[in-house]
């Protein structure tokens, strides 16, 4: 069996072993942890979020406000 796990810049190749699902999952989590520590913080700091909140007036109030 050959298993290749790649997360970011981290790649692990396991050959010649029979791995169970829990072993593959453990390797994946370890790779993710290593990849997170290798990532430059400048990329994380440049992330920007945006939120918008919209509220509508009830239909009966909106009709009274904008009459022709």
C-alpha atoms as a PDB file:
ATOM      1  CA  UNK A   1       0.000   0.000   0.000  1.00  0.00           C
ATOM      2  CA  UNK A   2       1.223   3.499  -0.797  1.00  0.00           C
ATOM      3  CA  UNK A   3      -0.264   6.541   0.924  1.00  0.00           C
ATOM      4  CA  UNK A   4       0.688  10.111   0.056  1.00  0.00           C
ATOM      5  CA  UNK A   5      -0.590  12.916   2.291  1.00  0.00           C
ATOM      6  CA  UNK A   6      -0.006  16.528   1.295  1.00  0.00           C
ATOM      7  CA  UNK A   7      -1.043  19.531   3.361  1.00  0.00           C
ATOM      8  CA  UNK A   8       0.343  22.869   2.231  1.00  0.00           C
ATOM      9  CA  UNK A   9       4.094  22.452   1.777  1.00  0.00           C
ATOM     10  CA  UNK A  10       4.249  19.261   3.873  1.00  0.00           C
ATOM     11  CA  UNK A  11       4.170  15.888   2.101  1.00  0.00           C
ATOM     12  CA  UNK A  12       4.353  12.474   3.756  1.00  0.00           C
ATOM     13  CA  UNK A  13       4.684   9.258   1.728  1.00  0.00           C
ATOM     14  CA  UNK A  14       4.212   5.878   3.404  1.00  0.00           C
ATOM     15  CA  UNK A  15       4.985   2.745   1.392  1.00  0.00           C
ATOM     16  CA  UNK A  16       4.862  -0.926   2.267  1.00  0.00           C
ATOM     17  CA  UNK A  17       2.675  -0.640   5.359  1.00  0.00           C
ATOM     18  CA  UNK A  18      -0.961  -1.529   5.834  1.00  0.00           C
ATOM     19  CA  UNK A  19      -2.493   1.518   7.473  1.00  0.00           C
ATOM     20  CA  UNK A  20      -5.862   1.672   9.119  1.00  0.00           C
ATOM     21  CA  UNK A  21      -8.122   4.664   8.751  1.00  0.00           C
ATOM     22  CA  UNK A  22      -7.170   5.966  12.221  1.00  0.00           C
ATOM     23  CA  UNK A  23      -3.471   5.932  11.265  1.00  0.00           C
ATOM     24  CA  UNK A  24      -4.092   7.896   8.081  1.00  0.00           C
ATOM     25  CA  UNK A  25      -6.202  10.387  10.014  1.00  0.00           C
ATOM     26  CA  UNK A  26      -3.444  10.793  12.646  1.00  0.00           C
ATOM     27  CA  UNK A  27      -0.857  11.427   9.912  1.00  0.00           C
ATOM     28  CA  UNK A  28      -3.165  13.964   8.280  1.00  0.00           C
ATOM     29  CA  UNK A  29      -3.630  15.849  11.548  1.00  0.00           C
ATOM     30  CA  UNK A  30       0.130  15.828  12.205  1.00  0.00           C
ATOM     31  CA  UNK A  31       0.812  17.165   8.693  1.00  0.00           C
ATOM     32  CA  UNK A  32      -1.787  19.892   9.164  1.00  0.00           C
ATOM     33  CA  UNK A  33      -0.171  20.962  12.430  1.00  0.00           C
ATOM     34  CA  UNK A  34       3.270  21.138  10.848  1.00  0.00           C
ATOM     35  CA  UNK A  35       1.955  23.003   7.799  1.00  0.00           C
ATOM     36  CA  UNK A  36       0.211  25.538  10.060  1.00  0.00           C
ATOM     37  CA  UNK A  37       3.446  26.293  11.891  1.00  0.00           C
ATOM     38  CA  UNK A  38       5.392  26.654   8.627  1.00  0.00           C
ATOM     39  CA  UNK A  39       2.930  29.140   7.092  1.00  0.00           C
ATOM     40  CA  UNK A  40       4.191  32.735   7.236  1.00  0.00           C
ATOM     41  CA  UNK A  41       2.191  34.963   9.550  1.00  0.00           C
ATOM     42  CA  UNK A  42       2.069  37.755   6.953  1.00  0.00           C
ATOM     43  CA  UNK A  43      -0.474  35.758   4.952  1.00  0.00           C
ATOM     44  CA  UNK A  44      -2.662  35.244   7.992  1.00  0.00           C
ATOM     45  CA  UNK A  45      -2.515  38.918   8.941  1.00  0.00           C
ATOM     46  CA  UNK A  46      -3.584  40.078   5.480  1.00  0.00           C
ATOM     47  CA  UNK A  47      -6.945  38.315   5.728  1.00  0.00           C
ATOM     48  CA  UNK A  48      -9.819  40.771   5.986  1.00  0.00           C
ATOM     49  CA  UNK A  49     -13.403  40.039   6.868  1.00  0.00           C
ATOM     50  CA  UNK A  50     -16.574  41.858   5.903  1.00  0.00           C
ATOM     51  CA  UNK A  51     -20.001  41.814   7.505  1.00  0.00           C
ATOM     52  CA  UNK A  52     -23.203  43.512   6.461  1.00  0.00           C
ATOM     53  CA  UNK A  53     -26.452  43.660   8.408  1.00  0.00           C
ATOM     54  CA  UNK A  54     -29.653  44.558   6.613  1.00  0.00           C
ATOM     55  CA  UNK A  55     -32.932  45.192   8.340  1.00  0.00           C
ATOM     56  CA  UNK A  56     -36.208  45.598   6.537  1.00  0.00           C
ATOM     57  CA  UNK A  57     -39.136  47.581   7.837  1.00  0.00           C
ATOM     58  CA  UNK A  58     -42.368  45.650   8.185  1.00  0.00           C
ATOM     59  CA  UNK A  59     -44.439  45.858   4.975  1.00  0.00           C
ATOM     60  CA  UNK A  60     -47.149  48.005   6.565  1.00  0.00           C
ATOM     61  CA  UNK A  61     -44.615  50.610   7.789  1.00  0.00           C
ATOM     62  CA  UNK A  62     -42.711  50.688   4.510  1.00  0.00           C
ATOM     63  CA  UNK A  63     -45.882  51.448   2.529  1.00  0.00           C
ATOM     64  CA  UNK A  64     -46.685  54.467   4.757  1.00  0.00           C
ATOM     65  CA  UNK A  65     -43.187  55.910   4.500  1.00  0.00           C
ATOM     66  CA  UNK A  66     -42.871  56.033   0.692  1.00  0.00           C
ATOM     67  CA  UNK A  67     -46.289  57.079  -0.579  1.00  0.00           C
ATOM     68  CA  UNK A  68     -46.533  58.967  -3.871  1.00  0.00           C
END
